[in-house]
């Protein structure tokens, strides 16, 4: 396992993601252990995603700005084009926004996905703060968004693409990625 980040270095975690309302037991364990894997990371541009079996994009509101870029989209496209599993949870599917398939179409076009829902965004009061609503964007790109009730564990697998709805879906998304 290699943890990397868009810019490299220590990965910042937005304050909202650190509230007790969103922390999973695994989050608490990581924080208690000092968050070691999130320190001194490699930059995504310096990682050959084709050498990994799974490329996993974690969420958090910071990804709303960091992930929907051409560079991240190219990394996703490269991994998926090399028949690697691409997984993303919560706001992690922001990494899929600029990803393209071999024909240059949106990677999510015609695929089933889960992502942080527009309802959940409203419930955390950030609808007006994010650059766009992720569920709406996935639909705009041609994806079929499968959603469970807010804050429920929901994971969707469509071929080598594995996506989870929210923090509650993190573990099951990772587990499904291992079997994809």
Protein backbone atom coordinates (compact mmCIF):
# COMPACT_ATOMS: atom_id res chain seq x y z
CA UNK A 1 0.00 0.00 0.00
CA UNK A 2 1.29 3.41 -0.99
CA UNK A 3 -0.51 6.50 0.24
CA UNK A 4 -0.07 9.47 -2.06
CA UNK A 5 -1.71 12.86 -2.43
CA UNK A 6 -2.23 15.39 -5.16
CA UNK A 7 0.62 17.65 -4.02
CA UNK A 8 2.69 15.20 -1.96
CA UNK A 9 3.77 15.82 1.62
CA UNK A 10 1.46 15.75 4.60
CA UNK A 11 -2.19 15.28 3.70
CA UNK A 12 -4.39 17.94 5.30
CA UNK A 13 -7.75 16.82 6.62
CA UNK A 14 -10.60 19.30 6.54
CA UNK A 15 -12.03 20.16 9.96
CA UNK A 16 -15.49 18.94 9.02
CA UNK A 17 -14.16 15.45 8.37
CA UNK A 18 -12.60 15.43 11.83
CA UNK A 19 -15.88 16.00 13.67
CA UNK A 20 -17.07 13.09 15.77
CA UNK A 21 -20.21 12.94 13.63
CA UNK A 22 -18.20 11.57 10.68
CA UNK A 23 -15.37 9.63 12.31
CA UNK A 24 -15.45 5.89 11.92
CA UNK A 25 -13.72 3.55 14.35
CA UNK A 26 -10.91 3.18 11.81
CA UNK A 27 -10.54 6.98 11.66
CA UNK A 28 -10.23 7.11 15.43
CA UNK A 29 -7.55 4.39 15.40
CA UNK A 30 -5.56 6.26 12.71
CA UNK A 31 -5.74 9.54 14.65
CA UNK A 32 -4.72 7.84 17.91
CA UNK A 33 -1.77 6.28 16.08
CA UNK A 34 -0.60 9.70 14.84
CA UNK A 35 -1.79 9.52 11.21
CA UNK A 36 1.62 8.22 10.08
CA UNK A 37 0.54 7.05 6.59
CA UNK A 38 -0.75 10.57 5.84
CA UNK A 39 2.63 12.21 6.45
CA UNK A 40 5.34 12.71 3.84
CA UNK A 41 3.33 11.19 1.00
CA UNK A 42 4.43 10.96 -2.61
CA UNK A 43 2.73 13.23 -5.13
CA UNK A 44 0.24 11.45 -7.40
CA UNK A 45 2.15 12.66 -10.47
CA UNK A 46 5.20 10.73 -9.21
CA UNK A 47 3.34 7.44 -8.85
CA UNK A 48 2.88 5.01 -11.73
CA UNK A 49 -0.72 3.98 -11.11
CA UNK A 50 -0.39 1.10 -13.56
CA UNK A 51 1.92 -0.75 -11.14
CA UNK A 52 -0.84 -1.10 -8.53
CA UNK A 53 -3.75 -3.53 -8.46
CA UNK A 54 -6.10 -0.95 -6.93
CA UNK A 55 -6.08 2.83 -7.02
CA UNK A 56 -8.34 4.11 -4.21
CA UNK A 57 -9.52 7.71 -3.82
CA UNK A 58 -10.66 8.56 -0.29
CA UNK A 59 -13.13 11.35 0.33
CA UNK A 60 -13.43 14.42 2.48
CA UNK A 61 -14.50 17.88 1.40
CA UNK A 62 -10.96 18.86 0.41
CA UNK A 63 -11.24 16.49 -2.53
CA UNK A 64 -13.98 18.71 -3.97
CA UNK A 65 -11.21 21.08 -5.03
CA UNK A 66 -8.21 18.75 -5.27
CA UNK A 67 -9.66 15.89 -7.35
CA UNK A 68 -11.72 17.27 -10.26
CA UNK A 69 -8.61 18.28 -12.25
CA UNK A 70 -7.15 17.14 -15.54
CA UNK A 71 -4.13 15.64 -13.78
CA UNK A 72 -6.18 13.48 -11.42
CA UNK A 73 -8.56 12.56 -14.24
CA UNK A 74 -5.57 11.45 -16.33
CA UNK A 75 -4.29 9.25 -13.49
CA UNK A 76 -7.72 7.62 -13.14
CA UNK A 77 -7.97 7.14 -16.90
CA UNK A 78 -4.50 5.59 -17.01
CA UNK A 79 -5.26 3.14 -14.18
CA UNK A 80 -8.64 2.15 -15.60
CA UNK A 81 -7.16 1.82 -19.10
CA UNK A 82 -4.57 -0.58 -17.67
CA UNK A 83 -7.41 -2.75 -16.30
CA UNK A 84 -6.74 -1.77 -12.70
CA UNK A 85 -9.44 -1.48 -10.07
CA UNK A 86 -10.37 2.15 -9.46
CA UNK A 87 -12.22 2.72 -6.21
CA UNK A 88 -13.52 5.89 -4.60
CA UNK A 89 -15.64 6.61 -1.55
CA UNK A 90 -17.68 9.55 -0.26
CA UNK A 91 -16.34 12.64 -2.09
CA UNK A 92 -13.55 10.48 -3.58
CA UNK A 93 -15.54 10.07 -6.83
CA UNK A 94 -14.59 13.71 -7.49
CA UNK A 95 -11.50 12.00 -8.98
CA UNK A 96 -13.74 10.49 -11.68
CA UNK A 97 -15.11 13.81 -12.94
CA UNK A 98 -12.37 14.45 -15.54
CA UNK A 99 -11.51 10.80 -16.22
CA UNK A 100 -12.08 9.55 -19.75
CA UNK A 101 -12.43 6.12 -21.28
CA UNK A 102 -10.45 4.93 -24.32
CA UNK A 103 -12.94 6.69 -26.64
CA UNK A 104 -12.56 10.02 -24.85
CA UNK A 105 -16.00 9.84 -23.20
CA UNK A 106 -16.57 10.41 -19.50
CA UNK A 107 -15.36 7.29 -17.70
CA UNK A 108 -18.57 7.12 -15.64
CA UNK A 109 -20.83 7.41 -18.69
CA UNK A 110 -23.14 4.38 -18.68
CA UNK A 111 -21.73 3.07 -15.39
CA UNK A 112 -23.39 2.56 -12.03
CA UNK A 113 -21.81 4.53 -9.19
CA UNK A 114 -22.35 5.58 -5.60
CA UNK A 115 -21.13 8.90 -4.24
CA UNK A 116 -21.85 11.47 -1.56
CA UNK A 117 -25.44 12.40 -2.33
CA UNK A 118 -26.92 15.82 -2.86
CA UNK A 119 -29.19 15.15 0.14
CA UNK A 120 -26.17 14.37 2.36
CA UNK A 121 -24.43 17.54 1.14
CA UNK A 122 -27.51 19.51 2.16
CA UNK A 123 -27.60 17.83 5.54
CA UNK A 124 -24.03 18.94 6.29
CA UNK A 125 -24.87 22.46 5.12
CA UNK A 126 -22.26 22.69 2.38
CA UNK A 127 -24.39 22.72 -0.76
CA UNK A 128 -23.42 26.32 -1.47
CA UNK A 129 -19.76 25.84 -0.55
CA UNK A 130 -18.76 22.96 -2.86
CA UNK A 131 -17.92 23.78 -6.50
CA UNK A 132 -20.73 21.46 -7.67
CA UNK A 133 -22.91 18.73 -6.23
CA UNK A 134 -21.22 15.40 -6.87
CA UNK A 135 -24.36 13.31 -7.38
CA UNK A 136 -25.72 15.82 -9.90
CA UNK A 137 -22.35 15.92 -11.71
CA UNK A 138 -22.18 12.12 -11.95
CA UNK A 139 -25.65 12.09 -13.51
CA UNK A 140 -24.68 14.91 -15.87
CA UNK A 141 -21.70 12.80 -17.00
CA UNK A 142 -24.03 9.89 -17.79
CA UNK A 143 -23.64 7.75 -14.68
CA UNK A 144 -26.49 5.97 -12.96
CA UNK A 145 -26.19 6.95 -9.32
CA UNK A 146 -27.36 4.32 -6.86
CA UNK A 147 -28.03 5.82 -3.44
CA UNK A 148 -29.12 4.45 -0.10
CA UNK A 149 -30.69 6.43 2.71
CA UNK A 150 -28.38 9.20 3.92
CA UNK A 151 -25.49 7.99 6.07
CA UNK A 152 -26.11 4.34 5.17
CA UNK A 153 -23.43 1.97 3.91
CA UNK A 154 -23.80 1.74 0.11
CA UNK A 155 -21.22 0.39 -2.34
CA UNK A 156 -21.59 -0.18 -6.07
CA UNK A 157 -19.35 -2.29 -8.28
CA UNK A 158 -19.48 -1.86 -12.05
CA UNK A 159 -16.68 -3.92 -13.55
CA UNK A 160 -13.39 -2.60 -12.21
CA UNK A 161 -15.02 0.58 -10.86
CA UNK A 162 -15.98 0.43 -7.18
CA UNK A 163 -17.63 3.38 -5.46
CA UNK A 164 -19.05 4.08 -2.02
CA UNK A 165 -21.58 6.67 -0.89
CA UNK A 166 -20.22 8.17 2.33
CA UNK A 167 -17.88 7.64 5.32
CA UNK A 168 -20.06 4.75 6.48
CA UNK A 169 -19.23 2.99 3.20
CA UNK A 170 -15.43 3.21 3.54
CA UNK A 171 -14.70 -0.27 4.82
CA UNK A 172 -17.14 -2.07 2.54
CA UNK A 173 -15.86 -0.09 -0.45
CA UNK A 174 -12.28 -1.15 0.32
CA UNK A 175 -13.37 -4.75 0.83
CA UNK A 176 -15.27 -4.81 -2.45
CA UNK A 177 -12.27 -3.28 -4.26
CA UNK A 178 -10.21 -6.25 -3.08
CA UNK A 179 -12.60 -8.65 -4.79
CA UNK A 180 -13.24 -6.65 -7.98
